[in-house]
Amino acid sequence: MAYANAKFAVALCDRCGFEYKLLSLKKEWNGLKTCSECFEPKHPQLEPHRAPSDPEALYDPRPSNDLEVGEGFVFVRDSNIFKGNNMNPSIVGQNFILSEMTASVGAVTITT
């Protein structure tokens, strides 16, 4: 459907009621057509705030699964390394292997 050219059309401002050219009126966020003096932009508080969600997991993680139980590196704190702001522990270059460990807490006896 074709519309007429609104070159000579006049309309009333929905706020002040004065007559203006239709093309000079601005449409507000609430649907009102107002003149430039009555125009009020939408207040930012009326827009819902969408807080970004916190990331919970890595995308497509690739953990190292070639180490057996108890196998790894020893981290030591060397007093010579901690001078200034360098707080990185050094790694002892040898790989070590621990045997499996077991422990027990104790026994519970219930008497009536």
PDB file of N, CA and C in Angstrom:
ATOM      1  N   MET A   1       0.842  -1.166   0.000  1.00  0.00           N
ATOM      2  CA  MET A   1       0.000   0.000   0.000  1.00  0.00           C
ATOM      3  C   MET A   1       0.893   1.236   0.000  1.00  0.00           C
ATOM      4  N   ALA A   2       0.586   2.155  -0.819  1.00  0.00           N
ATOM      5  CA  ALA A   2       1.364   3.381  -0.933  1.00  0.00           C
ATOM      6  C   ALA A   2       0.751   4.465  -0.063  1.00  0.00           C
ATOM      7  N   TYR A   3       1.590   5.284   0.530  1.00  0.00           N
ATOM      8  CA  TYR A   3       1.141   6.390   1.364  1.00  0.00           C
ATOM      9  C   TYR A   3       1.409   7.700   0.652  1.00  0.00           C
ATOM     10  N   ALA A   4       0.640   8.703   1.008  1.00  0.00           N
ATOM     11  CA  ALA A   4       0.808  10.022   0.411  1.00  0.00           C
ATOM     12  C   ALA A   4       2.039  10.699   0.989  1.00  0.00           C
ATOM     13  N   ASN A   5       2.606  11.604   0.232  1.00  0.00           N
ATOM     14  CA  ASN A   5       3.732  12.392   0.697  1.00  0.00           C
ATOM     15  C   ASN A   5       3.195  13.405   1.711  1.00  0.00           C
ATOM     16  N   ALA A   6       3.729  13.447   2.927  1.00  0.00           N
ATOM     17  CA  ALA A   6       3.216  14.300   4.001  1.00  0.00           C
ATOM     18  C   ALA A   6       3.852  15.680   3.990  1.00  0.00           C
ATOM     19  N   LYS A   7       4.120  16.186   2.814  1.00  0.00           N
ATOM     20  CA  LYS A   7       4.823  17.455   2.667  1.00  0.00           C
ATOM     21  C   LYS A   7       4.020  18.622   3.241  1.00  0.00           C
ATOM     22  N   PHE A   8       2.712  18.613   3.064  1.00  0.00           N
ATOM     23  CA  PHE A   8       1.879  19.717   3.531  1.00  0.00           C
ATOM     24  C   PHE A   8       0.996  19.326   4.722  1.00  0.00           C
ATOM     25  N   ALA A   9       1.142  18.137   5.262  1.00  0.00           N
ATOM     26  CA  ALA A   9       0.268  17.666   6.331  1.00  0.00           C
ATOM     27  C   ALA A   9       0.626  18.338   7.653  1.00  0.00           C
ATOM     28  N   VAL A  10      -0.406  18.599   8.447  1.00  0.00           N
ATOM     29  CA  VAL A  10      -0.214  19.183   9.770  1.00  0.00           C
ATOM     30  C   VAL A  10      -0.774  18.213  10.805  1.00  0.00           C
ATOM     31  N   ALA A  11      -0.249  18.315  12.028  1.00  0.00           N
ATOM     32  CA  ALA A  11      -0.699  17.436  13.106  1.00  0.00           C
ATOM     33  C   ALA A  11      -0.541  18.173  14.425  1.00  0.00           C
ATOM     34  N   LEU A  12      -1.220  17.676  15.470  1.00  0.00           N
ATOM     35  CA  LEU A  12      -1.147  18.270  16.798  1.00  0.00           C
ATOM     36  C   LEU A  12      -0.120  17.515  17.642  1.00  0.00           C
ATOM     37  N   CYS A  13       0.641  18.267  18.436  1.00  0.00           N
ATOM     38  CA  CYS A  13       1.579  17.663  19.380  1.00  0.00           C
ATOM     39  C   CYS A  13       0.768  17.003  20.479  1.00  0.00           C
ATOM     40  N   ASP A  14       1.097  15.778  20.844  1.00  0.00           N
ATOM     41  CA  ASP A  14       0.346  15.048  21.861  1.00  0.00           C
ATOM     42  C   ASP A  14       0.567  15.602  23.268  1.00  0.00           C
ATOM     43  N   ARG A  15       1.561  16.442  23.500  1.00  0.00           N
ATOM     44  CA  ARG A  15       1.794  17.016  24.823  1.00  0.00           C
ATOM     45  C   ARG A  15       1.227  18.432  24.953  1.00  0.00           C
ATOM     46  N   CYS A  16       1.643  19.323  24.068  1.00  0.00           N
ATOM     47  CA  CYS A  16       1.228  20.719  24.217  1.00  0.00           C
ATOM     48  C   CYS A  16      -0.037  21.056  23.408  1.00  0.00           C
ATOM     49  N   GLY A  17      -0.352  20.278  22.404  1.00  0.00           N
ATOM     50  CA  GLY A  17      -1.570  20.498  21.625  1.00  0.00           C
ATOM     51  C   GLY A  17      -1.429  21.526  20.513  1.00  0.00           C
ATOM     52  N   PHE A  18      -0.230  22.079  20.320  1.00  0.00           N
ATOM     53  CA  PHE A  18      -0.032  23.037  19.230  1.00  0.00           C
ATOM     54  C   PHE A  18       0.079  22.298  17.900  1.00  0.00           C
ATOM     55  N   GLU A  19      -0.187  23.042  16.832  1.00  0.00           N
ATOM     56  CA  GLU A  19      -0.175  22.468  15.484  1.00  0.00           C
ATOM     57  C   GLU A  19       1.217  22.631  14.872  1.00  0.00           C
ATOM     58  N   TYR A  20       1.728  21.538  14.336  1.00  0.00           N
ATOM     59  CA  TYR A  20       3.048  21.515  13.689  1.00  0.00           C
ATOM     60  C   TYR A  20       2.944  20.721  12.402  1.00  0.00           C
ATOM     61  N   LYS A  21       3.958  20.844  11.563  1.00  0.00           N
ATOM     62  CA  LYS A  21       4.019  19.986  10.381  1.00  0.00           C
ATOM     63  C   LYS A  21       4.216  18.546  10.854  1.00  0.00           C
ATOM     64  N   LEU A  22       3.550  17.618  10.200  1.00  0.00           N
ATOM     65  CA  LEU A  22       3.602  16.213  10.609  1.00  0.00           C
ATOM     66  C   LEU A  22       5.026  15.660  10.564  1.00  0.00           C
ATOM     67  N   LEU A  23       5.794  16.084   9.584  1.00  0.00           N
ATOM     68  CA  LEU A  23       7.162  15.558   9.443  1.00  0.00           C
ATOM     69  C   LEU A  23       8.114  16.107  10.510  1.00  0.00           C
ATOM     70  N   SER A  24       7.742  17.210  11.178  1.00  0.00           N
ATOM     71  CA  SER A  24       8.624  17.773  12.205  1.00  0.00           C
ATOM     72  C   SER A  24       8.381  17.140  13.577  1.00  0.00           C
ATOM     73  N   LEU A  25       7.290  16.398  13.759  1.00  0.00           N
ATOM     74  CA  LEU A  25       7.014  15.745  15.028  1.00  0.00           C
ATOM     75  C   LEU A  25       7.889  14.506  15.185  1.00  0.00           C
ATOM     76  N   LYS A  26       8.293  14.263  16.432  1.00  0.00           N
ATOM     77  CA  LYS A  26       9.136  13.099  16.726  1.00  0.00           C
ATOM     78  C   LYS A  26       8.316  12.103  17.531  1.00  0.00           C
ATOM     79  N   LYS A  27       8.527  10.828  17.262  1.00  0.00           N
ATOM     80  CA  LYS A  27       7.816   9.782  17.990  1.00  0.00           C
ATOM     81  C   LYS A  27       8.632   9.371  19.201  1.00  0.00           C
ATOM     82  N   GLU A  28       7.989   9.416  20.392  1.00  0.00           N
ATOM     83  CA  GLU A  28       8.659   9.036  21.627  1.00  0.00           C
ATOM     84  C   GLU A  28       8.592   7.526  21.825  1.00  0.00           C
ATOM     85  N   TRP A  29       9.279   7.055  22.876  1.00  0.00           N
ATOM     86  CA  TRP A  29       9.337   5.621  23.182  1.00  0.00           C
ATOM     87  C   TRP A  29       7.976   5.071  23.603  1.00  0.00           C
ATOM     88  N   ASN A  30       7.069   5.948  24.093  1.00  0.00           N
ATOM     89  CA  ASN A  30       5.748   5.499  24.537  1.00  0.00           C
ATOM     90  C   ASN A  30       4.674   5.664  23.467  1.00  0.00           C
ATOM     91  N   GLY A  31       5.072   6.050  22.244  1.00  0.00           N
ATOM     92  CA  GLY A  31       4.142   6.133  21.130  1.00  0.00           C
ATOM     93  C   GLY A  31       3.597   7.525  20.864  1.00  0.00           C
ATOM     94  N   LEU A  32       3.890   8.512  21.697  1.00  0.00           N
ATOM     95  CA  LEU A  32       3.396   9.866  21.486  1.00  0.00           C
ATOM     96  C   LEU A  32       4.192  10.553  20.396  1.00  0.00           C
ATOM     97  N   LYS A  33       3.487  11.367  19.590  1.00  0.00           N
ATOM     98  CA  LYS A  33       4.162  12.212  18.607  1.00  0.00           C
ATOM     99  C   LYS A  33       4.212  13.610  19.189  1.00  0.00           C
ATOM    100  N   THR A  34       5.440  14.113  19.416  1.00  0.00           N
ATOM    101  CA  THR A  34       5.605  15.401  20.079  1.00  0.00           C
ATOM    102  C   THR A  34       6.500  16.320  19.265  1.00  0.00           C
ATOM    103  N   CYS A  35       6.379  17.608  19.582  1.00  0.00           N
ATOM    104  CA  CYS A  35       7.256  18.585  18.934  1.00  0.00           C
ATOM    105  C   CYS A  35       8.647  18.499  19.547  1.00  0.00           C
ATOM    106  N   SER A  36       9.588  19.215  18.976  1.00  0.00           N
ATOM    107  CA  SER A  36      10.968  19.131  19.463  1.00  0.00           C
ATOM    108  C   SER A  36      11.111  19.738  20.860  1.00  0.00           C
ATOM    109  N   GLU A  37      10.235  20.678  21.236  1.00  0.00           N
ATOM    110  CA  GLU A  37      10.307  21.283  22.569  1.00  0.00           C
ATOM    111  C   GLU A  37       9.762  20.340  23.651  1.00  0.00           C
ATOM    112  N   CYS A  38       8.773  19.527  23.312  1.00  0.00           N
ATOM    113  CA  CYS A  38       8.150  18.622  24.285  1.00  0.00           C
ATOM    114  C   CYS A  38       8.780  17.233  24.294  1.00  0.00           C
ATOM    115  N   PHE A  39       9.654  16.955  23.367  1.00  0.00           N
ATOM    116  CA  PHE A  39      10.221  15.613  23.228  1.00  0.00           C
ATOM    117  C   PHE A  39      11.036  15.247  24.455  1.00  0.00           C
ATOM    118  N   GLU A  40      10.780  14.066  25.022  1.00  0.00           N
ATOM    119  CA  GLU A  40      11.543  13.544  26.149  1.00  0.00           C
ATOM    120  C   GLU A  40      12.062  12.157  25.786  1.00  0.00           C
ATOM    121  N   PRO A  41      13.385  11.964  25.783  1.00  0.00           N
ATOM    122  CA  PRO A  41      13.913  10.629  25.484  1.00  0.00           C
ATOM    123  C   PRO A  41      13.623   9.675  26.639  1.00  0.00           C
ATOM    124  N   LYS A  42      13.674   8.409  26.370  1.00  0.00           N
ATOM    125  CA  LYS A  42      13.409   7.399  27.397  1.00  0.00           C
ATOM    126  C   LYS A  42      14.529   7.422  28.433  1.00  0.00           C
ATOM    127  N   HIS A  43      14.148   7.405  29.700  1.00  0.00           N
ATOM    128  CA  HIS A  43      15.131   7.444  30.771  1.00  0.00           C
ATOM    129  C   HIS A  43      15.847   6.097  30.863  1.00  0.00           C
ATOM    130  N   PRO A  44      17.161   6.088  31.097  1.00  0.00           N
ATOM    131  CA  PRO A  44      17.911   4.820  31.161  1.00  0.00           C
ATOM    132  C   PRO A  44      17.446   3.870  32.259  1.00  0.00           C
ATOM    133  N   GLN A  45      16.831   4.411  33.337  1.00  0.00           N
ATOM    134  CA  GLN A  45      16.374   3.533  34.411  1.00  0.00           C
ATOM    135  C   GLN A  45      15.187   2.678  33.990  1.00  0.00           C
ATOM    136  N   LEU A  46      14.511   3.053  32.915  1.00  0.00           N
ATOM    137  CA  LEU A  46      13.378   2.271  32.442  1.00  0.00           C
ATOM    138  C   LEU A  46      13.811   1.045  31.653  1.00  0.00           C
ATOM    139  N   GLU A  47      15.069   1.007  31.269  1.00  0.00           N
ATOM    140  CA  GLU A  47      15.609  -0.153  30.551  1.00  0.00           C
ATOM    141  C   GLU A  47      16.102  -1.177  31.563  1.00  0.00           C
ATOM    142  N   PRO A  48      15.767  -2.438  31.393  1.00  0.00           N
ATOM    143  CA  PRO A  48      16.275  -3.441  32.345  1.00  0.00           C
ATOM    144  C   PRO A  48      17.783  -3.622  32.173  1.00  0.00           C
ATOM    145  N   HIS A  49      18.471  -3.736  33.309  1.00  0.00           N
ATOM    146  CA  HIS A  49      19.922  -3.943  33.278  1.00  0.00           C
ATOM    147  C   HIS A  49      20.206  -5.435  33.143  1.00  0.00           C
ATOM    148  N   ARG A  50      20.946  -5.798  32.149  1.00  0.00           N
ATOM    149  CA  ARG A  50      21.295  -7.197  31.943  1.00  0.00           C
ATOM    150  C   ARG A  50      22.756  -7.392  32.342  1.00  0.00           C
ATOM    151  N   ALA A  51      22.922  -7.948  33.534  1.00  0.00           N
ATOM    152  CA  ALA A  51      24.271  -8.193  34.031  1.00  0.00           C
ATOM    153  C   ALA A  51      24.855  -9.413  33.325  1.00  0.00           C
ATOM    154  N   PRO A  52      26.111  -9.325  32.892  1.00  0.00           N
ATOM    155  CA  PRO A  52      26.720 -10.493  32.244  1.00  0.00           C
ATOM    156  C   PRO A  52      26.922 -11.619  33.250  1.00  0.00           C
ATOM    157  N   SER A  53      26.742 -12.825  32.806  1.00  0.00           N
ATOM    158  CA  SER A  53      26.933 -13.964  33.698  1.00  0.00           C
ATOM    159  C   SER A  53      28.427 -14.257  33.855  1.00  0.00           C
ATOM    160  N   ASP A  54      28.768 -14.782  35.003  1.00  0.00           N
ATOM    161  CA  ASP A  54      30.161 -15.131  35.271  1.00  0.00           C
ATOM    162  C   ASP A  54      30.512 -16.425  34.557  1.00  0.00           C
ATOM    163  N   PRO A  55      31.696 -16.486  33.934  1.00  0.00           N
ATOM    164  CA  PRO A  55      32.096 -17.740  33.304  1.00  0.00           C
ATOM    165  C   PRO A  55      32.340 -18.811  34.355  1.00  0.00           C
ATOM    166  N   GLU A  56      31.845 -20.009  34.102  1.00  0.00           N
ATOM    167  CA  GLU A  56      31.968 -21.083  35.087  1.00  0.00           C
ATOM    168  C   GLU A  56      32.947 -22.166  34.674  1.00  0.00           C
ATOM    169  N   ALA A  57      33.162 -22.348  33.406  1.00  0.00           N
ATOM    170  CA  ALA A  57      34.048 -23.422  32.963  1.00  0.00           C
ATOM    171  C   ALA A  57      34.804 -22.976  31.715  1.00  0.00           C
ATOM    172  N   LEU A  58      35.880 -23.650  31.443  1.00  0.00           N
ATOM    173  CA  LEU A  58      36.637 -23.396  30.224  1.00  0.00           C
ATOM    174  C   LEU A  58      35.951 -24.049  29.041  1.00  0.00           C
ATOM    175  N   TYR A  59      36.049 -23.402  27.883  1.00  0.00           N
ATOM    176  CA  TYR A  59      35.505 -23.994  26.675  1.00  0.00           C
ATOM    177  C   TYR A  59      36.514 -24.992  26.129  1.00  0.00           C
ATOM    178  N   ASP A  60      36.107 -26.230  25.939  1.00  0.00           N
ATOM    179  CA  ASP A  60      36.920 -27.298  25.374  1.00  0.00           C
ATOM    180  C   ASP A  60      38.262 -27.440  26.109  1.00  0.00           C
ATOM    181  N   PRO A  61      38.240 -27.776  27.403  1.00  0.00           N
ATOM    182  CA  PRO A  61      39.489 -27.898  28.154  1.00  0.00           C
ATOM    183  C   PRO A  61      40.297 -29.107  27.716  1.00  0.00           C
ATOM    184  N   ARG A  62      41.596 -29.009  27.837  1.00  0.00           N
ATOM    185  CA  ARG A  62      42.497 -30.103  27.465  1.00  0.00           C
ATOM    186  C   ARG A  62      43.425 -30.381  28.635  1.00  0.00           C
ATOM    187  N   PRO A  63      42.925 -31.031  29.697  1.00  0.00           N
ATOM    188  CA  PRO A  63      43.791 -31.291  30.859  1.00  0.00           C
ATOM    189  C   PRO A  63      44.852 -32.332  30.544  1.00  0.00           C
ATOM    190  N   SER A  64      45.942 -32.243  31.262  1.00  0.00           N
ATOM    191  CA  SER A  64      47.010 -33.227  31.099  1.00  0.00           C
ATOM    192  C   SER A  64      46.598 -34.510  31.801  1.00  0.00           C
ATOM    193  N   ASN A  65      46.480 -35.585  31.061  1.00  0.00           N
ATOM    194  CA  ASN A  65      46.060 -36.851  31.661  1.00  0.00           C
ATOM    195  C   ASN A  65      47.126 -37.937  31.511  1.00  0.00           C
ATOM    196  N   ASP A  66      48.377 -37.559  31.311  1.00  0.00           N
ATOM    197  CA  ASP A  66      49.432 -38.546  31.156  1.00  0.00           C
ATOM    198  C   ASP A  66      50.180 -38.806  32.477  1.00  0.00           C
ATOM    199  N   LEU A  67      49.816 -38.117  33.552  1.00  0.00           N
ATOM    200  CA  LEU A  67      50.483 -38.339  34.834  1.00  0.00           C
ATOM    201  C   LEU A  67      49.751 -39.414  35.627  1.00  0.00           C
ATOM    202  N   GLU A  68      50.490 -40.282  36.247  1.00  0.00           N
ATOM    203  CA  GLU A  68      49.893 -41.313  37.090  1.00  0.00           C
ATOM    204  C   GLU A  68      49.656 -40.736  38.478  1.00  0.00           C
ATOM    205  N   VAL A  69      48.996 -41.487  39.346  1.00  0.00           N
ATOM    206  CA  VAL A  69      48.696 -41.026  40.698  1.00  0.00           C
ATOM    207  C   VAL A  69      49.991 -40.794  41.449  1.00  0.00           C
ATOM    208  N   GLY A  70      50.142 -39.616  42.054  1.00  0.00           N
ATOM    209  CA  GLY A  70      51.328 -39.310  42.848  1.00  0.00           C
ATOM    210  C   GLY A  70      52.503 -38.819  42.039  1.00  0.00           C
ATOM    211  N   GLU A  71      52.348 -38.578  40.769  1.00  0.00           N
ATOM    212  CA  GLU A  71      53.453 -38.142  39.927  1.00  0.00           C
ATOM    213  C   GLU A  71      53.320 -36.647  39.684  1.00  0.00           C
ATOM    214  N   GLY A  72      54.399 -35.905  39.735  1.00  0.00           N
ATOM    215  CA  GLY A  72      54.325 -34.474  39.490  1.00  0.00           C
ATOM    216  C   GLY A  72      55.646 -33.799  39.734  1.00  0.00           C
ATOM    217  N   PHE A  73      55.611 -32.494  40.023  1.00  0.00           N
ATOM    218  CA  PHE A  73      56.803 -31.697  40.275  1.00  0.00           C
ATOM    219  C   PHE A  73      56.769 -31.162  41.700  1.00  0.00           C
ATOM    220  N   VAL A  74      57.945 -30.894  42.253  1.00  0.00           N
ATOM    221  CA  VAL A  74      58.056 -30.328  43.597  1.00  0.00           C
ATOM    222  C   VAL A  74      58.237 -28.827  43.453  1.00  0.00           C
ATOM    223  N   PHE A  75      57.430 -28.048  44.196  1.00  0.00           N
ATOM    224  CA  PHE A  75      57.577 -26.604  44.231  1.00  0.00           C
ATOM    225  C   PHE A  75      58.269 -26.245  45.536  1.00  0.00           C
ATOM    226  N   VAL A  76      59.358 -25.492  45.437  1.00  0.00           N
ATOM    227  CA  VAL A  76      60.081 -25.091  46.639  1.00  0.00           C
ATOM    228  C   VAL A  76      60.112 -23.575  46.705  1.00  0.00           C
ATOM    229  N   ARG A  77      60.168 -23.085  47.930  1.00  0.00           N
ATOM    230  CA  ARG A  77      60.295 -21.644  48.120  1.00  0.00           C
ATOM    231  C   ARG A  77      61.741 -21.368  48.522  1.00  0.00           C
ATOM    232  N   ASP A  78      62.439 -20.733  47.647  1.00  0.00           N
ATOM    233  CA  ASP A  78      63.839 -20.408  47.881  1.00  0.00           C
ATOM    234  C   ASP A  78      63.901 -18.956  48.344  1.00  0.00           C
ATOM    235  N   SER A  79      64.580 -18.685  49.461  1.00  0.00           N
ATOM    236  CA  SER A  79      64.636 -17.319  49.985  1.00  0.00           C
ATOM    237  C   SER A  79      65.364 -16.382  49.030  1.00  0.00           C
ATOM    238  N   ASN A  80      66.235 -16.907  48.166  1.00  0.00           N
ATOM    239  CA  ASN A  80      66.945 -16.062  47.202  1.00  0.00           C
ATOM    240  C   ASN A  80      66.015 -15.603  46.081  1.00  0.00           C
ATOM    241  N   ILE A  81      64.953 -16.354  45.828  1.00  0.00           N
ATOM    242  CA  ILE A  81      64.044 -16.005  44.731  1.00  0.00           C
ATOM    243  C   ILE A  81      63.101 -14.887  45.147  1.00  0.00           C
ATOM    244  N   PHE A  82      62.721 -14.830  46.439  1.00  0.00           N
ATOM    245  CA  PHE A  82      61.695 -13.911  46.899  1.00  0.00           C
ATOM    246  C   PHE A  82      62.223 -12.521  47.228  1.00  0.00           C
ATOM    247  N   LYS A  83      63.214 -12.067  46.526  1.00  0.00           N
ATOM    248  CA  LYS A  83      63.707 -10.710  46.720  1.00  0.00           C
ATOM    249  C   LYS A  83      62.932  -9.795  45.770  1.00  0.00           C
ATOM    250  N   GLY A  84      62.457  -8.680  46.283  1.00  0.00           N
ATOM    251  CA  GLY A  84      61.678  -7.759  45.456  1.00  0.00           C
ATOM    252  C   GLY A  84      60.251  -8.258  45.317  1.00  0.00           C
ATOM    253  N   ASN A  85      59.673  -8.085  44.141  1.00  0.00           N
ATOM    254  CA  ASN A  85      58.284  -8.477  43.899  1.00  0.00           C
ATOM    255  C   ASN A  85      58.174  -9.816  43.191  1.00  0.00           C
ATOM    256  N   ASN A  86      59.270 -10.539  43.003  1.00  0.00           N
ATOM    257  CA  ASN A  86      59.220 -11.819  42.316  1.00  0.00           C
ATOM    258  C   ASN A  86      58.761 -12.885  43.303  1.00  0.00           C
ATOM    259  N   MET A  87      57.490 -13.285  43.215  1.00  0.00           N
ATOM    260  CA  MET A  87      56.924 -14.241  44.159  1.00  0.00           C
ATOM    261  C   MET A  87      56.678 -15.599  43.507  1.00  0.00           C
ATOM    262  N   ASN A  88      57.345 -15.915  42.418  1.00  0.00           N
ATOM    263  CA  ASN A  88      57.142 -17.193  41.737  1.00  0.00           C
ATOM    264  C   ASN A  88      58.034 -18.268  42.336  1.00  0.00           C
ATOM    265  N   PRO A  89      57.452 -19.375  42.793  1.00  0.00           N
ATOM    266  CA  PRO A  89      58.289 -20.457  43.320  1.00  0.00           C
ATOM    267  C   PRO A  89      59.045 -21.145  42.181  1.00  0.00           C
ATOM    268  N   SER A  90      60.215 -21.672  42.486  1.00  0.00           N
ATOM    269  CA  SER A  90      60.986 -22.379  41.468  1.00  0.00           C
ATOM    270  C   SER A  90      60.574 -23.844  41.442  1.00  0.00           C
ATOM    271  N   ILE A  91      60.792 -24.484  40.346  1.00  0.00           N
ATOM    272  CA  ILE A  91      60.450 -25.898  40.181  1.00  0.00           C
ATOM    273  C   ILE A  91      61.733 -26.703  40.211  1.00  0.00           C
ATOM    274  N   VAL A  92      61.735 -27.701  41.067  1.00  0.00           N
ATOM    275  CA  VAL A  92      62.869 -28.619  41.074  1.00  0.00           C
ATOM    276  C   VAL A  92      62.744 -29.460  39.807  1.00  0.00           C
ATOM    277  N   GLY A  93      63.788 -29.563  39.058  1.00  0.00           N
ATOM    278  CA  GLY A  93      63.712 -30.166  37.741  1.00  0.00           C
ATOM    279  C   GLY A  93      63.497 -31.658  37.689  1.00  0.00           C
ATOM    280  N   GLN A  94      63.489 -32.359  38.804  1.00  0.00           N
ATOM    281  CA  GLN A  94      63.332 -33.805  38.735  1.00  0.00           C
ATOM    282  C   GLN A  94      61.890 -34.205  38.948  1.00  0.00           C
ATOM    283  N   ASN A  95      61.466 -35.140  38.155  1.00  0.00           N
ATOM    284  CA  ASN A  95      60.138 -35.717  38.298  1.00  0.00           C
ATOM    285  C   ASN A  95      60.191 -36.719  39.444  1.00  0.00           C
ATOM    286  N   PHE A  96      59.126 -36.803  40.225  1.00  0.00           N
ATOM    287  CA  PHE A  96      59.121 -37.747  41.334  1.00  0.00           C
ATOM    288  C   PHE A  96      57.853 -38.601  41.259  1.00  0.00           C
ATOM    289  N   ILE A  97      57.922 -39.769  41.887  1.00  0.00           N
ATOM    290  CA  ILE A  97      56.770 -40.670  41.934  1.00  0.00           C
ATOM    291  C   ILE A  97      56.594 -41.113  43.383  1.00  0.00           C
ATOM    292  N   LEU A  98      55.378 -40.944  43.902  1.00  0.00           N
ATOM    293  CA  LEU A  98      55.064 -41.380  45.260  1.00  0.00           C
ATOM    294  C   LEU A  98      54.276 -42.676  45.194  1.00  0.00           C
ATOM    295  N   SER A  99      54.474 -43.509  46.184  1.00  0.00           N
ATOM    296  CA  SER A  99      53.652 -44.714  46.261  1.00  0.00           C
ATOM    297  C   SER A  99      52.287 -44.314  46.814  1.00  0.00           C
ATOM    298  N   GLU A 100      51.296 -45.154  46.610  1.00  0.00           N
ATOM    299  CA  GLU A 100      49.955 -44.864  47.088  1.00  0.00           C
ATOM    300  C   GLU A 100      49.948 -44.850  48.603  1.00  0.00           C
ATOM    301  N   MET A 101      49.197 -43.925  49.199  1.00  0.00           N
ATOM    302  CA  MET A 101      49.126 -43.815  50.649  1.00  0.00           C
ATOM    303  C   MET A 101      47.727 -44.154  51.125  1.00  0.00           C
ATOM    304  N   THR A 102      47.632 -44.776  52.282  1.00  0.00           N
ATOM    305  CA  THR A 102      46.352 -45.068  52.916  1.00  0.00           C
ATOM    306  C   THR A 102      46.381 -44.559  54.335  1.00  0.00           C
ATOM    307  N   ALA A 103      45.209 -44.183  54.864  1.00  0.00           N
ATOM    308  CA  ALA A 103      45.120 -43.686  56.225  1.00  0.00           C
ATOM    309  C   ALA A 103      43.767 -44.075  56.796  1.00  0.00           C
ATOM    310  N   SER A 104      43.703 -44.114  58.122  1.00  0.00           N
ATOM    311  CA  SER A 104      42.424 -44.394  58.773  1.00  0.00           C
ATOM    312  C   SER A 104      42.224 -43.387  59.894  1.00  0.00           C
ATOM    313  N   VAL A 105      40.959 -43.112  60.193  1.00  0.00           N
ATOM    314  CA  VAL A 105      40.626 -42.110  61.201  1.00  0.00           C
ATOM    315  C   VAL A 105      40.447 -42.772  62.568  1.00  0.00           C
ATOM    316  N   GLY A 106      39.800 -43.906  62.621  1.00  0.00           N
ATOM    317  CA  GLY A 106      39.565 -44.580  63.877  1.00  0.00           C
ATOM    318  C   GLY A 106      38.268 -45.374  63.817  1.00  0.00           C
ATOM    319  N   ALA A 107      37.826 -45.856  64.981  1.00  0.00           N
ATOM    320  CA  ALA A 107      36.616 -46.666  65.047  1.00  0.00           C
ATOM    321  C   ALA A 107      35.611 -45.976  65.933  1.00  0.00           C
ATOM    322  N   VAL A 108      34.330 -46.171  65.646  1.00  0.00           N
ATOM    323  CA  VAL A 108      33.242 -45.595  66.439  1.00  0.00           C
ATOM    324  C   VAL A 108      32.486 -46.752  67.077  1.00  0.00           C
ATOM    325  N   THR A 109      32.291 -46.682  68.409  1.00  0.00           N
ATOM    326  CA  THR A 109      31.538 -47.708  69.136  1.00  0.00           C
ATOM    327  C   THR A 109      30.299 -47.046  69.728  1.00  0.00           C
ATOM    328  N   ILE A 110      29.141 -47.660  69.489  1.00  0.00           N
ATOM    329  CA  ILE A 110      27.879 -47.134  70.011  1.00  0.00           C
ATOM    330  C   ILE A 110      27.347 -48.124  71.031  1.00  0.00           C
ATOM    331  N   THR A 111      27.112 -47.650  72.248  1.00  0.00           N
ATOM    332  CA  THR A 111      26.538 -48.495  73.300  1.00  0.00           C
ATOM    333  C   THR A 111      25.234 -47.886  73.773  1.00  0.00           C
ATOM    334  N   THR A 112      24.320 -48.747  74.160  1.00  0.00           N
ATOM    335  CA  THR A 112      23.019 -48.241  74.646  1.00  0.00           C
ATOM    336  C   THR A 112      22.873 -48.487  76.141  1.00  0.00           C
TER     337      THR A 112
END
